[in-house]
C-alpha atoms as a PDB file:
ATOM      1  CA  MET A   1      -2.141  95.088  70.418  1.00  0.00           C
ATOM      2  CA  SER A   2      -2.956  97.724  67.850  1.00  0.00           C
ATOM      3  CA  THR A   3      -5.526 100.362  68.802  1.00  0.00           C
ATOM      4  CA  HIS A   4      -6.209 101.134  65.123  1.00  0.00           C
ATOM      5  CA  PRO A   5      -5.831  97.764  63.372  1.00  0.00           C
ATOM      6  CA  HIS A   6      -8.079  98.584  60.414  1.00  0.00           C
ATOM      7  CA  LEU A   7      -6.269 101.832  59.666  1.00  0.00           C
ATOM      8  CA  MET A   8      -2.842 100.275  60.226  1.00  0.00           C
ATOM      9  CA  GLU A   9      -3.733  97.777  57.490  1.00  0.00           C
ATOM     10  CA  ARG A  10      -4.325 100.717  55.135  1.00  0.00           C
ATOM     11  CA  ILE A  11      -0.742 102.029  55.452  1.00  0.00           C
ATOM     12  CA  ARG A  12       1.540 101.616  52.468  1.00  0.00           C
ATOM     13  CA  LEU A  13       5.197 101.805  53.505  1.00  0.00           C
ATOM     14  CA  GLU A  14       7.279 103.358  50.779  1.00  0.00           C
ATOM     15  CA  ASP A  15      10.848 104.624  50.500  1.00  0.00           C
ATOM     16  CA  GLY A  16      12.679 104.641  53.822  1.00  0.00           C
ATOM     17  CA  TYR A  17      10.069 102.945  56.029  1.00  0.00           C
ATOM     18  CA  HIS A  18      10.031  99.254  56.939  1.00  0.00           C
ATOM     19  CA  GLU A  19       7.772  96.781  58.765  1.00  0.00           C
ATOM     20  CA  ASP A  20       9.937  97.283  61.878  1.00  0.00           C
ATOM     21  CA  ASP A  21       8.720 100.896  61.964  1.00  0.00           C
ATOM     22  CA  LEU A  22       5.022 100.003  62.342  1.00  0.00           C
ATOM     23  CA  PRO A  23       4.848 100.310  66.181  1.00  0.00           C
ATOM     24  CA  PHE A  24       6.584 103.695  65.983  1.00  0.00           C
ATOM     25  CA  ILE A  25       4.292 104.777  63.128  1.00  0.00           C
ATOM     26  CA  GLU A  26       1.125 103.748  64.954  1.00  0.00           C
ATOM     27  CA  HIS A  27       2.175 105.731  68.022  1.00  0.00           C
ATOM     28  CA  ALA A  28       3.229 108.758  65.931  1.00  0.00           C
ATOM     29  CA  LEU A  29       0.038 108.963  63.849  1.00  0.00           C
ATOM     30  CA  THR A  30      -2.596 108.944  66.615  1.00  0.00           C
ATOM     31  CA  GLN A  31      -3.886 112.392  65.612  1.00  0.00           C
ATOM     32  CA  LEU A  32      -4.359 111.273  62.015  1.00  0.00           C
ATOM     33  CA  PHE A  33      -6.065 108.037  63.049  1.00  0.00           C
ATOM     34  CA  ALA A  34      -8.480 110.008  65.248  1.00  0.00           C
ATOM     35  CA  GLN A  35      -9.452 112.114  62.194  1.00  0.00           C
ATOM     36  CA  LEU A  36      -9.851 109.051  59.985  1.00  0.00           C
ATOM     37  CA  GLU A  37     -12.063 107.089  62.405  1.00  0.00           C
ATOM     38  CA  ARG A  38     -15.164 108.727  60.909  1.00  0.00           C
ATOM     39  CA  PHE A  39     -14.500 106.996  57.567  1.00  0.00           C
ATOM     40  CA  ASP A  40     -14.890 103.356  56.607  1.00  0.00           C
ATOM     41  CA  PRO A  41     -11.292 102.007  56.662  1.00  0.00           C
ATOM     42  CA  SER A  42     -11.771 100.509  53.193  1.00  0.00           C
ATOM     43  CA  MET A  43     -12.111 104.097  51.882  1.00  0.00           C
ATOM     44  CA  VAL A  44      -8.736 105.144  53.331  1.00  0.00           C
ATOM     45  CA  HIS A  45      -5.244 104.759  51.880  1.00  0.00           C
ATOM     46  CA  ILE A  46      -2.162 106.102  53.678  1.00  0.00           C
ATOM     47  CA  GLY A  47       1.266 106.333  52.052  1.00  0.00           C
ATOM     48  CA  LEU A  48       4.397 107.031  54.108  1.00  0.00           C
ATOM     49  CA  ARG A  49       7.715 107.921  52.557  1.00  0.00           C
ATOM     50  CA  VAL A  50      11.044 109.199  53.852  1.00  0.00           C
ATOM     51  CA  LYS A  51      13.876 110.128  51.532  1.00  0.00           C
ATOM     52  CA  ASP A  52      17.473 110.071  52.791  1.00  0.00           C
ATOM     53  CA  ARG A  53      16.454 108.844  56.242  1.00  0.00           C
ATOM     54  CA  GLY A  54      18.955 109.787  58.915  1.00  0.00           C
ATOM     55  CA  ARG A  55      20.951 112.010  56.569  1.00  0.00           C
ATOM     56  CA  PRO A  56      21.051 115.747  55.992  1.00  0.00           C
ATOM     57  CA  GLY A  57      18.271 116.744  53.621  1.00  0.00           C
ATOM     58  CA  MET A  58      15.873 114.054  54.884  1.00  0.00           C
ATOM     59  CA  HIS A  59      12.405 114.542  53.391  1.00  0.00           C
ATOM     60  CA  THR A  60       9.297 112.928  54.962  1.00  0.00           C
ATOM     61  CA  SER A  61       5.820 112.782  53.460  1.00  0.00           C
ATOM     62  CA  VAL A  62       2.429 111.465  54.502  1.00  0.00           C
ATOM     63  CA  GLU A  63      -0.167 111.035  51.767  1.00  0.00           C
ATOM     64  CA  VAL A  64      -3.800 110.277  52.597  1.00  0.00           C
ATOM     65  CA  CYS A  65      -6.480 109.353  50.093  1.00  0.00           C
ATOM     66  CA  VAL A  66     -10.075 109.088  51.302  1.00  0.00           C
ATOM     67  CA  SER A  67     -12.698 108.169  48.736  1.00  0.00           C
ATOM     68  CA  GLY A  68     -14.803 111.233  47.961  1.00  0.00           C
ATOM     69  CA  LEU A  69     -12.207 113.731  49.204  1.00  0.00           C
ATOM     70  CA  PRO A  70      -9.148 115.202  47.481  1.00  0.00           C
ATOM     71  CA  THR A  71      -5.812 113.514  48.224  1.00  0.00           C
ATOM     72  CA  VAL A  72      -3.904 115.381  50.932  1.00  0.00           C
ATOM     73  CA  VAL A  73      -0.141 115.397  51.397  1.00  0.00           C
ATOM     74  CA  GLY A  74       1.933 116.649  54.310  1.00  0.00           C
ATOM     75  CA  VAL A  75       5.662 117.141  53.848  1.00  0.00           C
ATOM     76  CA  SER A  76       8.431 117.855  56.341  1.00  0.00           C
ATOM     77  CA  ASP A  77      12.148 118.534  56.071  1.00  0.00           C
ATOM     78  CA  LEU A  78      12.840 118.267  59.806  1.00  0.00           C
ATOM     79  CA  PRO A  79      15.983 116.183  60.503  1.00  0.00           C
ATOM     80  CA  ASP A  80      14.499 114.005  63.281  1.00  0.00           C
ATOM     81  CA  THR A  81      12.417 111.054  62.019  1.00  0.00           C
ATOM     82  CA  LYS A  82       9.731 111.273  64.730  1.00  0.00           C
ATOM     83  CA  ALA A  83       9.480 115.073  64.584  1.00  0.00           C
ATOM     84  CA  ALA A  84       9.277 114.970  60.776  1.00  0.00           C
ATOM     85  CA  LEU A  85       6.508 112.362  60.805  1.00  0.00           C
ATOM     86  CA  ASN A  86       4.565 114.399  63.384  1.00  0.00           C
ATOM     87  CA  ASP A  87       5.073 117.592  61.363  1.00  0.00           C
ATOM     88  CA  ALA A  88       3.836 115.955  58.149  1.00  0.00           C
ATOM     89  CA  GLU A  89       0.925 114.414  60.079  1.00  0.00           C
ATOM     90  CA  ASP A  90      -0.104 117.846  61.449  1.00  0.00           C
ATOM     91  CA  LYS A  91      -0.223 119.221  57.914  1.00  0.00           C
ATOM     92  CA  VAL A  92      -2.332 116.305  56.660  1.00  0.00           C
ATOM     93  CA  VAL A  93      -4.759 116.542  59.591  1.00  0.00           C
ATOM     94  CA  ALA A  94      -5.293 120.267  58.950  1.00  0.00           C
ATOM     95  CA  GLN A  95      -5.948 119.615  55.250  1.00  0.00           C
ATOM     96  CA  LEU A  96      -8.298 116.724  56.032  1.00  0.00           C
ATOM     97  CA  ARG A  97     -10.326 118.914  58.367  1.00  0.00           C
ATOM     98  CA  GLU A  98     -10.618 121.600  55.698  1.00  0.00           C
ATOM     99  CA  ALA A  99     -11.542 119.084  52.978  1.00  0.00           C
ATOM    100  CA  ALA A 100     -14.132 117.380  55.182  1.00  0.00           C
ATOM    101  CA  ASP A 101     -15.627 120.753  56.162  1.00  0.00           C
ATOM    102  CA  ARG A 102     -15.850 121.848  52.507  1.00  0.00           C
ATOM    103  CA  HIS A 103     -17.367 118.486  51.544  1.00  0.00           C
ATOM    104  CA  HIS A 104     -19.912 118.770  54.375  1.00  0.00           C
ATOM    105  CA  ASP A 105     -20.793 122.364  53.409  1.00  0.00           C
ATOM    106  CA  ARG A 106     -21.494 121.310  49.792  1.00  0.00           C
ATOM    107  CA  ARG A 107     -24.048 118.665  50.693  1.00  0.00           C
ATOM    108  CA  PRO A 108     -27.632 119.778  50.137  1.00  0.00           C
ATOM    109  CA  ARG A 109     -29.392 120.652  53.337  1.00  0.00           C
ATOM    110  CA  GLN A 110     -32.514 118.741  54.227  1.00  0.00           C
ATOM    111  CA  PRO A 111     -35.576 120.960  54.643  1.00  0.00           C
ATOM    112  CA  ARG A 112     -36.857 121.252  58.175  1.00  0.00           C
ATOM    113  CA  HIS A 113     -40.397 120.045  58.798  1.00  0.00           C
END
């Protein structure tokens, strides 16, 4: 059973990934899912892509769009599929944290009474 069913539904598998990869993807992206839990799943879109999977020059990317925040993309050229997905995920998580912090800092502060 999926621990993040609503976020798993928001994943768009693109070049190089298939439905058979979903259990692997869910396990690999736990850090990203933890970051995205604060958002309504309907606001989240995740795109996964791997070019030349299993061949030299493999290129993996994770793209995350959250309504109200800039789109963030993590890219990896590591040759191992799992390591590349984790590397791209780490980059996206770092960017999401920065974007969320900047977004939070821009909100007007409520006066204290």
